[in-house]
Amino acid sequence: MSPRTRRLSTFTWGVPMLDVANLDLHYGQSQILYDISFAAKQGQITALMGNNGVGKTSLLKAVAGRHPASGGAVQVDAKPMRTVTAFDAARAGIAYVPQGREVFPMMSVQENLETGFACLPKADHGVPDHIFDLFPVLRDMQARRGGDLSGGQQQQLAIARALITRPKVLLLDEPTEGIQPNVIDQIGDALRLLRTQGEMAIVLVEQNADFAYALGDDFVLMEGGRVKRRVAKDAYSKEELMQDLAL
C-alpha cells in the first residue's frame, strides 16, 4: 500500500453536515465537474484546494444552487435536497460567500445585512449581537454604504450577511483575495471561533495555502474537475500540500 493510499484510508468521515455524492456539472455542452463526492463535517473546516481552473468555484456554485448540477445528490444535515436552487439551498441551511463578495454598493451596511432575512421566519429578522462581536468594524459602519467600505471591510460584511441566515453549512470562495494582511488575520480568527462553536460545517476555497493549511481540518484536492485526494490534516503536511498544488 502506497503512502498516498494509506492517507486516504485514515480519513475519518464522521457524521457530515454536508454530503455531496457523485455530482456532475455541465456548462452547455462542456462538462466541468466529474463524479464529485466529498463531505464536510460539523465543527470543522474543509479546505477545497487546487490550482486555478480545476472547478472549485463551479463546485461551490452547484452546491449553493447558483448553477444546476447535471447529476448527483446533495444532503444537508442528512436531509436530501430534492431541487437545488439558490433559495432551496439557503432554506436548507447553505450560505454562500462568493468570490468578489457581491455586496450591494448603494445599500447601507445594515441594509446589506438585512438581505439575509429572506430565508428566515419573520420572528428571526434581526441582526444578532454576535455578528458585530465577530466583525466589530461593522458595528460602527452600519449607516455607511457598502460601496464605500474597503475590500477587507466588504469581505467581512459578506461573511456577516451569510451568517445572518444561521447556516448549517458556510461556503467561502477565496475570502482572502485582495485583502490586507491584518484583515486576513481577523477573518481567520472569526473562522476559528465559528469552528469552535461547532454549529456549522465550513467549506473554504482558498489559493492562500498558508491560510488554508492553518485553518483546515480536512483537505479535498481537485484536479481537472475531479477529486484526486481527500485527506485529514493529521495525515497531511503543509509541504505535501504545497507539492500537490505545484503539480
Protein backbone atom coordinates (compact mmCIF):
# COMPACT_ATOMS: atom_id res chain seq x y z
CA MET A 1 0.00 0.00 0.00
CA SER A 2 1.45 3.37 -1.04
CA PRO A 3 1.75 6.32 1.41
CA ARG A 4 -0.94 8.15 -0.58
CA THR A 5 -3.32 5.19 -0.26
CA ARG A 6 -2.68 4.98 3.48
CA ARG A 7 -3.62 8.63 3.86
CA LEU A 8 -6.92 8.09 2.11
CA SER A 9 -7.71 5.17 4.40
CA THR A 10 -7.08 7.27 7.52
CA PHE A 11 -9.59 9.95 6.51
CA THR A 12 -12.40 9.90 9.09
CA TRP A 13 -15.74 10.98 7.72
CA GLY A 14 -17.71 11.05 10.97
CA VAL A 15 -21.22 12.43 10.55
CA PRO A 16 -21.18 15.04 7.78
CA MET A 17 -23.25 18.20 7.84
CA LEU A 18 -22.78 18.47 4.06
CA ASP A 19 -22.60 15.37 1.88
CA VAL A 20 -22.03 15.71 -1.86
CA ALA A 21 -22.26 12.47 -3.84
CA ASN A 22 -21.40 11.80 -7.49
CA LEU A 23 -22.02 15.37 -8.61
CA ASP A 24 -21.57 16.25 -12.28
CA LEU A 25 -21.81 19.73 -13.77
CA HIS A 26 -22.06 20.95 -17.35
CA TYR A 27 -21.88 24.43 -18.83
CA GLY A 28 -23.73 23.93 -22.08
CA GLN A 29 -22.09 21.00 -23.87
CA SER A 30 -18.91 21.18 -21.77
CA GLN A 31 -18.58 19.02 -18.67
CA ILE A 32 -16.86 20.90 -15.84
CA LEU A 33 -17.19 18.54 -12.85
CA TYR A 34 -16.98 14.76 -12.88
CA ASP A 35 -18.41 12.48 -10.19
CA ILE A 36 -17.53 14.77 -7.27
CA SER A 37 -18.00 13.24 -3.81
CA PHE A 38 -16.91 14.75 -0.52
CA ALA A 39 -18.26 15.52 2.93
CA ALA A 40 -17.85 18.46 5.30
CA LYS A 41 -18.29 17.81 8.99
CA GLN A 42 -19.92 19.95 11.63
CA GLY A 43 -17.43 21.89 13.72
CA GLN A 44 -14.68 21.53 11.13
CA ILE A 45 -13.23 23.45 8.21
CA THR A 46 -12.88 21.55 4.95
CA ALA A 47 -10.35 23.20 2.64
CA LEU A 48 -11.16 22.67 -1.04
CA MET A 49 -7.85 23.11 -2.84
CA GLY A 50 -6.45 23.02 -6.34
CA ASN A 51 -4.95 25.23 -8.99
CA ASN A 52 -6.95 27.78 -10.99
CA GLY A 53 -9.46 26.30 -13.39
CA VAL A 54 -9.95 22.91 -11.71
CA GLY A 55 -13.60 23.58 -10.86
CA LYS A 56 -13.60 24.73 -7.21
CA THR A 57 -15.82 27.77 -7.74
CA SER A 58 -18.11 25.79 -10.04
CA LEU A 59 -18.49 23.18 -7.30
CA LEU A 60 -19.44 25.79 -4.70
CA LYS A 61 -21.94 27.33 -7.12
CA ALA A 62 -23.53 23.94 -7.75
CA VAL A 63 -23.85 23.20 -4.02
CA ALA A 64 -25.22 26.71 -3.40
CA GLY A 65 -27.80 26.40 -6.17
CA ARG A 66 -26.23 29.06 -8.36
CA HIS A 67 -25.83 26.61 -11.25
CA PRO A 68 -27.84 23.39 -11.61
CA ALA A 69 -25.87 20.17 -11.34
CA SER A 70 -26.20 17.63 -14.13
CA GLY A 71 -26.31 14.69 -11.75
CA GLY A 72 -25.56 13.53 -8.25
CA ALA A 73 -27.01 14.42 -4.86
CA VAL A 74 -26.53 16.95 -2.07
CA GLN A 75 -27.54 16.34 1.54
CA VAL A 76 -27.54 18.85 4.38
CA ASP A 77 -27.76 17.50 7.92
CA ALA A 78 -28.65 14.06 6.47
CA LYS A 79 -31.62 15.50 4.56
CA PRO A 80 -31.55 15.22 0.75
CA MET A 81 -32.20 18.33 -1.29
CA ARG A 82 -34.77 17.43 -3.93
CA THR A 83 -34.11 20.51 -6.03
CA VAL A 84 -31.15 22.82 -5.70
CA THR A 85 -31.94 26.45 -6.44
CA ALA A 86 -30.25 29.27 -4.54
CA PHE A 87 -33.40 29.71 -2.43
CA ASP A 88 -33.69 25.96 -1.78
CA ALA A 89 -30.05 25.85 -0.69
CA ALA A 90 -30.47 28.83 1.63
CA ARG A 91 -33.62 27.36 3.18
CA ALA A 92 -31.76 24.06 3.71
CA GLY A 93 -29.02 25.88 5.61
CA ILE A 94 -26.35 26.59 2.98
CA ALA A 95 -24.82 30.07 2.98
CA TYR A 96 -22.51 31.10 0.15
CA VAL A 97 -19.96 33.91 0.19
CA PRO A 98 -18.87 34.25 -3.46
CA GLN A 99 -15.59 35.39 -4.87
CA GLY A 100 -15.97 39.13 -5.35
CA ARG A 101 -18.27 39.42 -2.31
CA GLU A 102 -21.35 40.78 -4.17
CA VAL A 103 -22.02 43.49 -1.60
CA PHE A 104 -24.80 45.90 -2.65
CA PRO A 105 -22.82 49.12 -3.12
CA MET A 106 -25.68 51.62 -2.76
CA MET A 107 -27.23 49.96 0.29
CA SER A 108 -26.04 50.62 3.82
CA VAL A 109 -24.19 48.01 5.84
CA GLN A 110 -27.35 47.50 7.87
CA GLU A 111 -29.44 47.04 4.72
CA ASN A 112 -26.89 44.60 3.28
CA LEU A 113 -27.12 42.54 6.45
CA GLU A 114 -30.90 42.60 6.31
CA THR A 115 -30.90 40.95 2.89
CA GLY A 116 -30.01 37.79 4.80
CA PHE A 117 -33.50 37.78 6.32
CA ALA A 118 -35.12 36.45 3.13
CA CYS A 119 -34.89 32.77 4.08
CA LEU A 120 -35.71 33.28 7.78
CA PRO A 121 -39.07 33.39 9.56
CA LYS A 122 -40.17 36.93 10.39
CA ALA A 123 -39.57 36.37 14.11
CA ASP A 124 -35.84 35.97 13.36
CA HIS A 125 -35.49 39.22 11.41
CA GLY A 126 -32.82 40.87 13.49
CA VAL A 127 -29.05 41.24 13.42
CA PRO A 128 -27.72 39.36 16.46
CA ASP A 129 -25.00 40.93 18.57
CA HIS A 130 -22.59 38.08 17.92
CA ILE A 131 -22.29 39.23 14.28
CA PHE A 132 -20.77 42.51 15.48
CA ASP A 133 -18.67 40.63 18.04
CA LEU A 134 -17.13 38.67 15.16
CA PHE A 135 -16.63 41.77 12.99
CA PRO A 136 -16.54 44.84 15.29
CA VAL A 137 -15.74 47.22 12.42
CA LEU A 138 -19.27 46.72 11.07
CA ARG A 139 -20.90 47.93 14.27
CA ASP A 140 -19.67 51.47 13.71
CA MET A 141 -20.36 51.40 9.97
CA GLN A 142 -24.00 50.34 9.89
CA ALA A 143 -25.11 53.57 8.19
CA ARG A 144 -22.31 53.62 5.60
CA ARG A 145 -22.91 52.43 2.07
CA GLY A 146 -21.45 49.06 1.16
CA GLY A 147 -19.63 50.56 -1.79
CA ASP A 148 -17.76 52.97 0.49
CA LEU A 149 -16.15 50.16 2.50
CA SER A 150 -12.63 48.89 1.83
CA GLY A 151 -12.20 45.49 0.22
CA GLY A 152 -11.45 43.90 3.57
CA GLN A 153 -14.48 45.51 5.19
CA GLN A 154 -16.68 44.36 2.32
CA GLN A 155 -15.40 40.81 2.80
CA GLN A 156 -16.29 40.94 6.48
CA LEU A 157 -19.72 42.29 5.55
CA ALA A 158 -20.27 39.48 3.02
CA ILE A 159 -19.42 36.82 5.62
CA ALA A 160 -21.57 38.55 8.24
CA ARG A 161 -24.50 38.68 5.81
CA ALA A 162 -24.14 34.94 5.20
CA LEU A 163 -24.12 34.26 8.94
CA ILE A 164 -27.40 36.17 9.34
CA THR A 165 -29.10 33.19 7.68
CA ARG A 166 -28.00 30.92 10.57
CA PRO A 167 -26.38 28.43 8.22
CA LYS A 168 -25.57 24.80 8.81
CA VAL A 169 -23.00 24.99 6.00
CA LEU A 170 -20.89 28.05 5.18
CA LEU A 171 -19.24 28.11 1.74
CA LEU A 172 -16.41 30.61 1.32
CA ASP A 173 -14.81 31.31 -2.06
CA GLU A 174 -11.39 32.98 -1.83
CA PRO A 175 -12.12 35.12 1.27
CA THR A 176 -8.54 36.48 1.44
CA GLU A 177 -8.27 37.56 -2.19
CA GLY A 178 -7.09 41.17 -2.40
CA ILE A 179 -7.38 41.67 1.36
CA GLN A 180 -4.82 43.42 3.54
CA PRO A 181 -2.91 41.16 5.98
CA ASN A 182 -4.46 42.50 9.20
CA VAL A 183 -7.97 41.83 7.89
CA ILE A 184 -6.92 38.34 6.76
CA ASP A 185 -5.92 37.71 10.37
CA GLN A 186 -9.30 39.00 11.59
CA ILE A 187 -11.17 36.74 9.15
CA GLY A 188 -9.06 33.80 10.24
CA ASP A 189 -9.84 34.50 13.89
CA ALA A 190 -13.58 34.70 13.09
CA LEU A 191 -13.49 31.34 11.28
CA ARG A 192 -11.65 29.71 14.16
CA LEU A 193 -14.30 30.97 16.57
CA LEU A 194 -17.10 29.70 14.33
CA ARG A 195 -15.40 26.30 14.17
CA THR A 196 -15.03 26.21 17.95
CA GLN A 197 -18.74 26.95 18.37
CA GLY A 198 -19.39 23.76 16.41
CA GLU A 199 -22.70 24.84 14.88
CA MET A 200 -21.81 24.53 11.20
CA ALA A 201 -19.54 22.96 8.65
CA ILE A 202 -17.28 25.38 6.79
CA VAL A 203 -16.05 24.74 3.25
CA LEU A 204 -13.15 27.00 2.31
CA VAL A 205 -11.86 27.54 -1.23
CA GLU A 206 -8.57 29.38 -0.91
CA GLN A 207 -5.45 29.99 -3.00
CA ASN A 208 -3.54 31.24 0.05
CA ALA A 209 -2.06 27.90 1.08
CA ASP A 210 -0.69 29.23 4.37
CA PHE A 211 -4.13 30.48 5.39
CA ALA A 212 -5.88 27.31 4.22
CA TYR A 213 -3.46 24.94 5.93
CA ALA A 214 -3.56 26.88 9.19
CA LEU A 215 -7.36 26.65 9.30
CA GLY A 216 -8.17 23.38 7.55
CA ASP A 217 -9.14 20.17 9.34
CA ASP A 218 -9.78 18.13 6.19
CA PHE A 219 -8.48 18.73 2.68
CA VAL A 220 -10.14 17.93 -0.64
CA LEU A 221 -7.72 18.26 -3.56
CA MET A 222 -9.17 18.80 -7.03
CA GLU A 223 -7.61 18.36 -10.44
CA GLY A 224 -9.28 18.61 -13.85
CA GLY A 225 -12.80 18.78 -12.45
CA ARG A 226 -12.32 15.70 -10.29
CA VAL A 227 -11.44 14.97 -6.68
CA LYS A 228 -7.98 13.46 -6.68
CA ARG A 229 -7.43 13.25 -2.93
CA ARG A 230 -9.28 13.52 0.40
CA VAL A 231 -7.09 13.64 3.45
CA ALA A 232 -7.24 14.71 7.09
CA LYS A 233 -4.75 17.29 8.35
CA ASP A 234 -3.13 14.90 10.81
CA ALA A 235 -2.06 12.77 7.82
CA TYR A 236 -1.02 15.65 5.59
CA SER A 237 1.84 18.09 6.00
CA LYS A 238 1.98 21.61 4.68
CA GLU A 239 4.91 20.58 2.50
CA GLU A 240 2.79 17.85 0.92
CA LEU A 241 0.01 20.33 0.27
CA MET A 242 2.44 22.70 -1.45
CA GLN A 243 3.81 19.82 -3.51
CA ASP A 244 0.30 18.82 -4.60
CA LEU A 245 -0.53 22.39 -5.62
CA ALA A 246 2.70 22.64 -7.61
CA LEU A 247 1.81 19.65 -9.82
